[in-house]
């Protein structure tokens, strides 16, 4: 499991930093776009959540750990600029990254169901943490926060699964991934 879970060579660390920068920029842009929408003003980041889950999985699949957690934590801390939920993102990003790592360590990630499972765990666990943030930071009633989390999962899980599978397969086919 160690070889499938950890990767600390120079290529992985440099690649994770570069992809992490793109991850941060993409999440910043989509966070601001979500904030312009009524759903974003209520703390439901549908576009940002899809981008977050997709990048979380891609970074883990390409560079494994600790790259996944490092990129996720940098994104969470920078999200201070667009969301009061940033502290929830710190925990959501770590748990989402670890969930994808656990699935990738056990599965080849060549089949759709591998990505479906990885994204299910990433989206459900990450949004469970954000749901706690919605209750404690936005002071939303529990029922409203749970419904928001379920809607976010229902939108982001399938979209991030499709994006991750298609992009990861393309990267592998190009020979850029190990």
N, C-alpha and C. Protein backbone atom coordinates (compact mmCIF):
# COMPACT_ATOMS: atom_id res chain seq x y z
N UNK A 1 0.82 -1.20 0.00
CA UNK A 1 0.00 0.00 0.00
C UNK A 1 0.86 1.26 0.00
N UNK A 2 2.07 1.22 0.57
CA UNK A 2 2.91 2.42 0.66
C UNK A 2 3.22 2.99 -0.71
N UNK A 3 3.59 2.15 -1.71
CA UNK A 3 3.90 2.67 -3.04
C UNK A 3 2.68 3.26 -3.72
N UNK A 4 1.50 2.74 -3.41
CA UNK A 4 0.29 3.25 -4.01
C UNK A 4 -0.27 4.45 -3.25
N UNK A 5 0.19 4.67 -2.04
CA UNK A 5 -0.34 5.73 -1.19
C UNK A 5 0.59 6.94 -1.13
N UNK A 6 1.91 6.67 -1.06
CA UNK A 6 2.89 7.75 -0.92
C UNK A 6 3.77 7.85 -2.16
N UNK A 7 4.16 9.06 -2.45
CA UNK A 7 5.12 9.30 -3.52
C UNK A 7 5.86 10.59 -3.16
N UNK A 8 7.16 10.50 -2.97
CA UNK A 8 7.91 11.67 -2.51
C UNK A 8 9.08 12.00 -3.42
N UNK A 9 9.07 11.51 -4.66
CA UNK A 9 10.16 11.87 -5.57
C UNK A 9 10.01 13.32 -6.03
N UNK A 10 11.09 13.87 -6.57
CA UNK A 10 11.12 15.27 -6.97
C UNK A 10 10.06 15.58 -8.03
N UNK A 11 9.90 14.67 -9.00
CA UNK A 11 8.92 14.89 -10.06
C UNK A 11 7.51 15.03 -9.47
N UNK A 12 7.20 14.21 -8.48
CA UNK A 12 5.87 14.27 -7.85
C UNK A 12 5.69 15.55 -7.06
N UNK A 13 6.71 15.93 -6.32
CA UNK A 13 6.57 17.13 -5.49
C UNK A 13 6.49 18.39 -6.34
N UNK A 14 7.32 18.49 -7.38
CA UNK A 14 7.27 19.67 -8.25
C UNK A 14 5.96 19.68 -9.04
N UNK A 15 5.56 18.52 -9.56
CA UNK A 15 4.30 18.43 -10.29
C UNK A 15 3.11 18.80 -9.42
N UNK A 16 3.14 18.36 -8.18
CA UNK A 16 2.02 18.68 -7.29
C UNK A 16 1.96 20.17 -6.98
N UNK A 17 3.12 20.81 -6.89
CA UNK A 17 3.12 22.26 -6.64
C UNK A 17 2.53 22.99 -7.84
N UNK A 18 2.95 22.61 -9.04
CA UNK A 18 2.43 23.27 -10.24
C UNK A 18 0.93 23.02 -10.40
N UNK A 19 0.50 21.77 -10.24
CA UNK A 19 -0.93 21.47 -10.35
C UNK A 19 -1.70 22.09 -9.18
N UNK A 20 -1.05 22.18 -8.03
CA UNK A 20 -1.68 22.82 -6.87
C UNK A 20 -1.95 24.29 -7.12
N UNK A 21 -1.04 24.96 -7.84
CA UNK A 21 -1.26 26.38 -8.17
C UNK A 21 -2.47 26.52 -9.09
N UNK A 22 -2.57 25.64 -10.07
CA UNK A 22 -3.73 25.66 -10.97
C UNK A 22 -5.00 25.35 -10.17
N UNK A 23 -4.90 24.42 -9.23
CA UNK A 23 -6.02 24.04 -8.35
C UNK A 23 -6.51 25.26 -7.57
N UNK A 24 -5.58 26.00 -6.99
CA UNK A 24 -5.94 27.18 -6.20
C UNK A 24 -6.61 28.23 -7.08
N UNK A 25 -6.03 28.49 -8.26
CA UNK A 25 -6.61 29.49 -9.17
C UNK A 25 -8.01 29.07 -9.61
N UNK A 26 -8.17 27.80 -9.96
CA UNK A 26 -9.49 27.30 -10.40
C UNK A 26 -10.51 27.40 -9.28
N UNK A 27 -10.12 27.06 -8.06
CA UNK A 27 -11.06 27.14 -6.94
C UNK A 27 -11.38 28.58 -6.57
N UNK A 28 -10.39 29.47 -6.67
CA UNK A 28 -10.66 30.88 -6.41
C UNK A 28 -11.67 31.43 -7.42
N UNK A 29 -11.43 31.15 -8.70
CA UNK A 29 -12.33 31.65 -9.75
C UNK A 29 -13.74 31.07 -9.60
N UNK A 30 -13.84 29.79 -9.37
CA UNK A 30 -15.17 29.18 -9.25
C UNK A 30 -15.85 29.56 -7.94
N UNK A 31 -15.06 29.81 -6.90
CA UNK A 31 -15.64 30.28 -5.63
C UNK A 31 -16.28 31.64 -5.80
N UNK A 32 -15.58 32.53 -6.51
CA UNK A 32 -16.15 33.85 -6.77
C UNK A 32 -17.39 33.76 -7.67
N UNK A 33 -17.35 32.89 -8.67
CA UNK A 33 -18.52 32.70 -9.55
C UNK A 33 -19.69 32.16 -8.72
N UNK A 34 -19.43 31.16 -7.89
CA UNK A 34 -20.51 30.62 -7.04
C UNK A 34 -21.11 31.68 -6.13
N UNK A 35 -20.25 32.58 -5.62
CA UNK A 35 -20.75 33.64 -4.73
C UNK A 35 -21.67 34.61 -5.45
N UNK A 36 -21.58 34.67 -6.77
CA UNK A 36 -22.48 35.54 -7.54
C UNK A 36 -23.86 34.90 -7.71
N UNK A 37 -23.93 33.60 -7.53
CA UNK A 37 -25.19 32.87 -7.71
C UNK A 37 -25.96 32.78 -6.39
N UNK A 38 -27.27 32.68 -6.45
CA UNK A 38 -28.05 32.54 -5.21
C UNK A 38 -27.64 31.32 -4.39
N UNK A 39 -27.28 30.24 -5.06
CA UNK A 39 -26.86 29.04 -4.33
C UNK A 39 -25.55 29.27 -3.58
N UNK A 40 -24.65 30.02 -4.17
CA UNK A 40 -23.38 30.31 -3.52
C UNK A 40 -23.54 31.21 -2.31
N UNK A 41 -24.46 32.16 -2.40
CA UNK A 41 -24.70 33.06 -1.27
C UNK A 41 -25.24 32.28 -0.06
N UNK A 42 -25.84 31.13 -0.32
CA UNK A 42 -26.34 30.29 0.77
C UNK A 42 -25.29 29.28 1.21
N UNK A 43 -24.08 29.38 0.67
CA UNK A 43 -23.02 28.46 1.08
C UNK A 43 -22.98 27.18 0.28
N UNK A 44 -23.71 27.12 -0.82
CA UNK A 44 -23.76 25.89 -1.65
C UNK A 44 -22.91 26.14 -2.89
N UNK A 45 -21.67 25.70 -2.86
CA UNK A 45 -20.71 25.93 -3.94
C UNK A 45 -20.74 24.77 -4.93
N UNK A 46 -21.63 24.83 -5.91
CA UNK A 46 -21.80 23.72 -6.84
C UNK A 46 -20.69 23.66 -7.89
N UNK A 47 -20.35 24.80 -8.47
CA UNK A 47 -19.27 24.81 -9.46
C UNK A 47 -17.93 24.58 -8.75
N UNK A 48 -17.73 25.30 -7.67
CA UNK A 48 -16.50 25.16 -6.91
C UNK A 48 -16.34 23.74 -6.35
N UNK A 49 -17.43 23.16 -5.89
CA UNK A 49 -17.38 21.80 -5.35
C UNK A 49 -16.98 20.77 -6.40
N UNK A 50 -17.48 20.95 -7.61
CA UNK A 50 -17.13 20.04 -8.70
C UNK A 50 -15.65 20.18 -9.04
N UNK A 51 -15.18 21.43 -9.13
CA UNK A 51 -13.76 21.67 -9.44
C UNK A 51 -12.89 21.15 -8.30
N UNK A 52 -13.30 21.40 -7.07
CA UNK A 52 -12.54 20.94 -5.90
C UNK A 52 -12.39 19.41 -5.92
N UNK A 53 -13.50 18.70 -6.09
CA UNK A 53 -13.45 17.23 -6.06
C UNK A 53 -12.62 16.69 -7.23
N UNK A 54 -12.75 17.33 -8.39
CA UNK A 54 -12.00 16.87 -9.56
C UNK A 54 -10.49 17.07 -9.36
N UNK A 55 -10.09 18.26 -8.93
CA UNK A 55 -8.67 18.51 -8.70
C UNK A 55 -8.13 17.67 -7.55
N UNK A 56 -8.92 17.52 -6.49
CA UNK A 56 -8.47 16.69 -5.37
C UNK A 56 -8.12 15.30 -5.85
N UNK A 57 -9.00 14.70 -6.64
CA UNK A 57 -8.75 13.34 -7.13
C UNK A 57 -7.59 13.31 -8.11
N UNK A 58 -7.53 14.27 -9.03
CA UNK A 58 -6.45 14.25 -10.03
C UNK A 58 -5.08 14.41 -9.37
N UNK A 59 -4.96 15.29 -8.41
CA UNK A 59 -3.66 15.47 -7.74
C UNK A 59 -3.27 14.19 -7.02
N UNK A 60 -4.23 13.56 -6.35
CA UNK A 60 -3.92 12.32 -5.64
C UNK A 60 -3.57 11.20 -6.63
N UNK A 61 -4.31 11.09 -7.72
CA UNK A 61 -4.05 10.03 -8.68
C UNK A 61 -2.70 10.22 -9.36
N UNK A 62 -2.31 11.45 -9.62
CA UNK A 62 -1.04 11.71 -10.31
C UNK A 62 0.15 11.71 -9.36
N UNK A 63 -0.02 12.29 -8.18
CA UNK A 63 1.13 12.51 -7.30
C UNK A 63 0.99 11.88 -5.93
N UNK A 64 -0.14 11.28 -5.62
CA UNK A 64 -0.40 10.57 -4.35
C UNK A 64 -0.25 11.50 -3.14
N UNK A 65 0.08 10.93 -1.99
CA UNK A 65 0.28 11.72 -0.76
C UNK A 65 1.78 11.90 -0.53
N UNK A 66 2.22 12.95 0.02
CA UNK A 66 1.52 14.03 0.69
C UNK A 66 1.04 15.15 -0.25
N UNK A 67 1.26 15.00 -1.55
CA UNK A 67 0.89 16.06 -2.50
C UNK A 67 -0.59 16.43 -2.39
N UNK A 68 -1.46 15.42 -2.25
CA UNK A 68 -2.90 15.69 -2.18
C UNK A 68 -3.27 16.56 -1.00
N UNK A 69 -2.72 16.25 0.15
CA UNK A 69 -3.05 17.03 1.35
C UNK A 69 -2.43 18.43 1.27
N UNK A 70 -1.19 18.51 0.80
CA UNK A 70 -0.53 19.82 0.71
C UNK A 70 -1.33 20.75 -0.21
N UNK A 71 -1.67 20.28 -1.40
CA UNK A 71 -2.43 21.11 -2.35
C UNK A 71 -3.79 21.48 -1.76
N UNK A 72 -4.45 20.53 -1.12
CA UNK A 72 -5.77 20.79 -0.53
C UNK A 72 -5.72 21.82 0.59
N UNK A 73 -4.70 21.73 1.42
CA UNK A 73 -4.60 22.68 2.54
C UNK A 73 -4.24 24.08 2.06
N UNK A 74 -3.40 24.17 1.04
CA UNK A 74 -3.09 25.49 0.48
C UNK A 74 -4.36 26.11 -0.09
N UNK A 75 -5.13 25.33 -0.82
CA UNK A 75 -6.39 25.84 -1.39
C UNK A 75 -7.35 26.26 -0.28
N UNK A 76 -7.45 25.48 0.77
CA UNK A 76 -8.37 25.81 1.87
C UNK A 76 -7.99 27.12 2.54
N UNK A 77 -6.71 27.31 2.78
CA UNK A 77 -6.27 28.53 3.46
C UNK A 77 -6.48 29.75 2.56
N UNK A 78 -6.23 29.61 1.28
CA UNK A 78 -6.43 30.73 0.35
C UNK A 78 -7.92 31.03 0.15
N UNK A 79 -8.78 30.05 0.43
CA UNK A 79 -10.22 30.27 0.28
C UNK A 79 -10.77 31.28 1.28
N UNK A 80 -9.92 31.75 2.19
CA UNK A 80 -10.32 32.83 3.10
C UNK A 80 -10.86 34.01 2.30
N UNK A 81 -10.33 34.21 1.10
CA UNK A 81 -10.71 35.34 0.25
C UNK A 81 -12.14 35.27 -0.23
N UNK A 82 -12.72 34.08 -0.35
CA UNK A 82 -14.07 34.02 -0.91
C UNK A 82 -15.09 33.33 -0.02
N UNK A 83 -14.69 32.73 1.09
CA UNK A 83 -15.70 32.01 1.88
C UNK A 83 -15.38 32.01 3.37
N UNK A 84 -16.39 32.31 4.19
CA UNK A 84 -16.20 32.16 5.63
C UNK A 84 -16.13 30.68 6.04
N UNK A 85 -16.40 29.78 5.10
CA UNK A 85 -16.32 28.35 5.39
C UNK A 85 -14.90 27.80 5.29
N UNK A 86 -13.91 28.68 5.11
CA UNK A 86 -12.54 28.22 4.85
C UNK A 86 -12.05 27.24 5.91
N UNK A 87 -12.41 27.43 7.15
CA UNK A 87 -11.92 26.51 8.20
C UNK A 87 -12.51 25.11 8.00
N UNK A 88 -13.74 25.04 7.53
CA UNK A 88 -14.33 23.72 7.21
C UNK A 88 -13.61 23.10 6.01
N UNK A 89 -13.20 23.97 5.07
CA UNK A 89 -12.48 23.47 3.89
C UNK A 89 -11.13 22.84 4.28
N UNK A 90 -10.50 23.33 5.34
CA UNK A 90 -9.23 22.75 5.78
C UNK A 90 -9.42 21.26 6.08
N UNK A 91 -10.47 20.94 6.81
CA UNK A 91 -10.72 19.54 7.17
C UNK A 91 -11.32 18.76 5.99
N UNK A 92 -12.21 19.40 5.24
CA UNK A 92 -12.84 18.72 4.09
C UNK A 92 -11.81 18.35 3.04
N UNK A 93 -10.87 19.23 2.76
CA UNK A 93 -9.85 18.96 1.75
C UNK A 93 -8.94 17.81 2.18
N UNK A 94 -8.61 17.76 3.44
CA UNK A 94 -7.75 16.67 3.91
C UNK A 94 -8.48 15.33 3.86
N UNK A 95 -9.70 15.30 4.32
CA UNK A 95 -10.43 14.03 4.35
C UNK A 95 -10.81 13.58 2.94
N UNK A 96 -11.12 14.53 2.05
CA UNK A 96 -11.42 14.17 0.66
C UNK A 96 -10.21 13.58 -0.03
N UNK A 97 -9.06 14.18 0.19
CA UNK A 97 -7.82 13.69 -0.41
C UNK A 97 -7.47 12.29 0.11
N UNK A 98 -7.61 12.09 1.40
CA UNK A 98 -7.30 10.77 1.97
C UNK A 98 -8.28 9.71 1.48
N UNK A 99 -9.54 10.07 1.28
CA UNK A 99 -10.53 9.11 0.78
C UNK A 99 -10.16 8.64 -0.62
N UNK A 100 -9.77 9.57 -1.48
CA UNK A 100 -9.36 9.18 -2.84
C UNK A 100 -8.10 8.32 -2.78
N UNK A 101 -7.18 8.67 -1.90
CA UNK A 101 -5.94 7.88 -1.76
C UNK A 101 -6.22 6.45 -1.34
N UNK A 102 -7.16 6.27 -0.43
CA UNK A 102 -7.48 4.91 0.03
C UNK A 102 -8.07 4.08 -1.11
N UNK A 103 -8.96 4.65 -1.90
CA UNK A 103 -9.54 3.92 -3.03
C UNK A 103 -8.46 3.64 -4.08
N UNK A 104 -7.62 4.64 -4.37
CA UNK A 104 -6.57 4.46 -5.38
C UNK A 104 -5.54 3.43 -4.94
N UNK A 105 -5.32 3.29 -3.63
CA UNK A 105 -4.37 2.30 -3.14
C UNK A 105 -4.91 0.88 -3.31
N UNK A 106 -6.22 0.73 -3.32
CA UNK A 106 -6.84 -0.59 -3.42
C UNK A 106 -7.30 -0.93 -4.83
N UNK A 107 -7.55 0.06 -5.67
CA UNK A 107 -8.10 -0.17 -7.01
C UNK A 107 -7.13 0.35 -8.07
N UNK A 108 -7.26 -0.18 -9.27
CA UNK A 108 -6.38 0.23 -10.37
C UNK A 108 -6.76 1.60 -10.94
N UNK A 109 -7.94 2.06 -10.66
CA UNK A 109 -8.49 3.32 -11.18
C UNK A 109 -8.63 3.30 -12.70
N UNK A 110 -8.78 2.11 -13.26
CA UNK A 110 -8.99 1.97 -14.70
C UNK A 110 -10.46 1.81 -15.04
N UNK A 111 -11.29 1.51 -14.08
CA UNK A 111 -12.72 1.29 -14.33
C UNK A 111 -13.53 2.44 -13.77
N UNK A 112 -14.70 2.63 -14.37
CA UNK A 112 -15.58 3.72 -13.94
C UNK A 112 -15.95 3.59 -12.48
N UNK A 113 -16.22 2.36 -12.01
CA UNK A 113 -16.68 2.21 -10.62
C UNK A 113 -15.61 2.61 -9.63
N UNK A 114 -14.34 2.51 -10.00
CA UNK A 114 -13.26 2.97 -9.11
C UNK A 114 -13.38 4.49 -8.90
N UNK A 115 -13.61 5.21 -9.98
CA UNK A 115 -13.75 6.67 -9.88
C UNK A 115 -15.07 7.05 -9.20
N UNK A 116 -16.11 6.28 -9.49
CA UNK A 116 -17.41 6.55 -8.83
C UNK A 116 -17.26 6.40 -7.32
N UNK A 117 -16.59 5.32 -6.87
CA UNK A 117 -16.38 5.10 -5.43
C UNK A 117 -15.49 6.19 -4.83
N UNK A 118 -14.39 6.51 -5.50
CA UNK A 118 -13.47 7.53 -4.98
C UNK A 118 -14.17 8.88 -4.85
N UNK A 119 -14.91 9.26 -5.88
CA UNK A 119 -15.60 10.55 -5.84
C UNK A 119 -16.77 10.53 -4.86
N UNK A 120 -17.42 9.39 -4.71
CA UNK A 120 -18.49 9.30 -3.71
C UNK A 120 -17.94 9.61 -2.32
N UNK A 121 -16.84 8.93 -1.96
CA UNK A 121 -16.26 9.14 -0.64
C UNK A 121 -15.73 10.57 -0.48
N UNK A 122 -15.06 11.07 -1.51
CA UNK A 122 -14.53 12.43 -1.48
C UNK A 122 -15.66 13.45 -1.28
N UNK A 123 -16.71 13.32 -2.08
CA UNK A 123 -17.82 14.28 -2.01
C UNK A 123 -18.63 14.14 -0.72
N UNK A 124 -18.94 12.92 -0.31
CA UNK A 124 -19.76 12.74 0.89
C UNK A 124 -19.00 13.18 2.14
N UNK A 125 -17.76 12.72 2.28
CA UNK A 125 -17.00 13.08 3.48
C UNK A 125 -16.68 14.58 3.50
N UNK A 126 -16.26 15.11 2.36
CA UNK A 126 -15.95 16.54 2.30
C UNK A 126 -17.18 17.40 2.59
N UNK A 127 -18.31 17.03 2.01
CA UNK A 127 -19.52 17.82 2.23
C UNK A 127 -20.12 17.60 3.61
N UNK A 128 -19.82 16.47 4.24
CA UNK A 128 -20.25 16.28 5.63
C UNK A 128 -19.54 17.29 6.53
N UNK A 129 -18.27 17.50 6.26
CA UNK A 129 -17.51 18.49 7.04
C UNK A 129 -18.03 19.90 6.75
N UNK A 130 -18.29 20.19 5.48
CA UNK A 130 -18.82 21.51 5.12
C UNK A 130 -20.21 21.71 5.75
N UNK A 131 -20.99 20.66 5.83
CA UNK A 131 -22.32 20.72 6.46
C UNK A 131 -22.19 21.17 7.93
N UNK A 132 -21.19 20.65 8.61
CA UNK A 132 -20.94 21.08 9.99
C UNK A 132 -20.57 22.57 10.01
N UNK A 133 -19.80 22.98 9.00
CA UNK A 133 -19.46 24.40 8.89
C UNK A 133 -20.68 25.26 8.62
N UNK A 134 -21.57 24.79 7.78
CA UNK A 134 -22.80 25.54 7.50
C UNK A 134 -23.63 25.74 8.77
N UNK A 135 -23.67 24.72 9.60
CA UNK A 135 -24.44 24.81 10.85
C UNK A 135 -23.76 25.77 11.84
N UNK A 136 -22.45 25.65 11.97
CA UNK A 136 -21.74 26.44 12.99
C UNK A 136 -21.32 27.83 12.52
N UNK A 137 -21.00 27.99 11.24
CA UNK A 137 -20.51 29.30 10.77
C UNK A 137 -21.66 30.14 10.22
N UNK A 138 -22.49 29.54 9.34
CA UNK A 138 -23.62 30.26 8.77
C UNK A 138 -24.85 30.23 9.68
N UNK A 139 -24.78 29.43 10.74
CA UNK A 139 -25.90 29.28 11.69
C UNK A 139 -27.16 28.78 11.00
N UNK A 140 -26.99 27.92 10.00
CA UNK A 140 -28.14 27.35 9.31
C UNK A 140 -28.79 26.27 10.18
N UNK A 141 -30.11 26.14 10.10
CA UNK A 141 -30.75 25.01 10.79
C UNK A 141 -30.20 23.70 10.22
N UNK A 142 -30.15 22.68 11.04
CA UNK A 142 -29.57 21.40 10.65
C UNK A 142 -30.22 20.84 9.39
N UNK A 143 -31.57 20.90 9.31
CA UNK A 143 -32.26 20.37 8.13
C UNK A 143 -31.84 21.09 6.86
N UNK A 144 -31.71 22.40 6.93
CA UNK A 144 -31.31 23.19 5.76
C UNK A 144 -29.88 22.85 5.35
N UNK A 145 -28.99 22.75 6.33
CA UNK A 145 -27.59 22.43 6.04
C UNK A 145 -27.47 21.03 5.42
N UNK A 146 -28.22 20.08 5.93
CA UNK A 146 -28.18 18.72 5.39
C UNK A 146 -28.72 18.70 3.96
N UNK A 147 -29.81 19.42 3.72
CA UNK A 147 -30.37 19.47 2.36
C UNK A 147 -29.37 20.12 1.40
N UNK A 148 -28.73 21.21 1.84
CA UNK A 148 -27.72 21.85 1.00
C UNK A 148 -26.57 20.90 0.68
N UNK A 149 -26.12 20.17 1.69
CA UNK A 149 -25.03 19.21 1.47
C UNK A 149 -25.46 18.10 0.51
N UNK A 150 -26.68 17.63 0.65
CA UNK A 150 -27.17 16.57 -0.24
C UNK A 150 -27.30 17.06 -1.68
N UNK A 151 -27.76 18.29 -1.84
CA UNK A 151 -27.85 18.86 -3.20
C UNK A 151 -26.45 19.01 -3.79
N UNK A 152 -25.52 19.51 -3.00
CA UNK A 152 -24.14 19.67 -3.47
C UNK A 152 -23.55 18.32 -3.88
N UNK A 153 -23.76 17.31 -3.06
CA UNK A 153 -23.26 15.96 -3.39
C UNK A 153 -23.93 15.46 -4.67
N UNK A 154 -25.23 15.64 -4.78
CA UNK A 154 -25.97 15.15 -5.96
C UNK A 154 -25.48 15.80 -7.25
N UNK A 155 -25.06 17.05 -7.19
CA UNK A 155 -24.56 17.75 -8.38
C UNK A 155 -23.09 17.45 -8.61
N UNK A 156 -22.29 17.56 -7.58
CA UNK A 156 -20.83 17.49 -7.73
C UNK A 156 -20.30 16.06 -7.92
N UNK A 157 -20.92 15.08 -7.28
CA UNK A 157 -20.42 13.69 -7.37
C UNK A 157 -20.39 13.19 -8.82
N UNK A 158 -21.51 13.24 -9.54
CA UNK A 158 -21.43 12.72 -10.92
C UNK A 158 -20.55 13.57 -11.84
N UNK A 159 -20.62 14.89 -11.68
CA UNK A 159 -19.81 15.75 -12.56
C UNK A 159 -18.32 15.56 -12.30
N UNK A 160 -17.93 15.52 -11.04
CA UNK A 160 -16.50 15.35 -10.73
C UNK A 160 -16.02 13.95 -11.11
N UNK A 161 -16.90 12.96 -11.04
CA UNK A 161 -16.52 11.60 -11.47
C UNK A 161 -16.21 11.59 -12.96
N UNK A 162 -17.08 12.18 -13.75
CA UNK A 162 -16.89 12.21 -15.21
C UNK A 162 -15.62 12.99 -15.56
N UNK A 163 -15.45 14.17 -14.95
CA UNK A 163 -14.27 14.99 -15.24
C UNK A 163 -12.99 14.25 -14.87
N UNK A 164 -12.97 13.69 -13.68
CA UNK A 164 -11.76 13.00 -13.21
C UNK A 164 -11.41 11.82 -14.09
N UNK A 165 -12.40 10.98 -14.40
CA UNK A 165 -12.14 9.79 -15.22
C UNK A 165 -11.62 10.19 -16.60
N UNK A 166 -12.28 11.13 -17.26
CA UNK A 166 -11.88 11.52 -18.61
C UNK A 166 -10.50 12.18 -18.63
N UNK A 167 -10.25 13.08 -17.70
CA UNK A 167 -8.95 13.77 -17.66
C UNK A 167 -7.85 12.79 -17.27
N UNK A 168 -8.09 11.96 -16.27
CA UNK A 168 -7.07 11.00 -15.84
C UNK A 168 -6.74 10.00 -16.94
N UNK A 169 -7.74 9.51 -17.63
CA UNK A 169 -7.49 8.60 -18.75
C UNK A 169 -6.69 9.28 -19.86
N UNK A 170 -7.02 10.53 -20.15
CA UNK A 170 -6.29 11.27 -21.19
C UNK A 170 -4.83 11.49 -20.78
N UNK A 171 -4.61 11.83 -19.52
CA UNK A 171 -3.23 12.05 -19.04
C UNK A 171 -2.44 10.74 -19.11
N UNK A 172 -3.08 9.64 -18.70
CA UNK A 172 -2.39 8.34 -18.76
C UNK A 172 -2.08 7.96 -20.21
N UNK A 173 -3.04 8.18 -21.10
CA UNK A 173 -2.85 7.85 -22.51
C UNK A 173 -1.73 8.68 -23.13
N UNK A 174 -1.56 9.93 -22.67
CA UNK A 174 -0.51 10.79 -23.20
C UNK A 174 0.88 10.40 -22.71
N UNK A 175 0.93 9.58 -21.65
CA UNK A 175 2.21 9.16 -21.10
C UNK A 175 2.76 10.10 -20.04
N UNK A 176 1.98 11.11 -19.64
CA UNK A 176 2.45 12.05 -18.62
C UNK A 176 2.33 11.49 -17.21
N UNK A 177 1.49 10.49 -17.01
CA UNK A 177 1.31 9.90 -15.68
C UNK A 177 2.10 8.61 -15.59
N UNK A 178 2.56 8.33 -14.36
CA UNK A 178 3.30 7.08 -14.14
C UNK A 178 2.34 5.94 -13.89
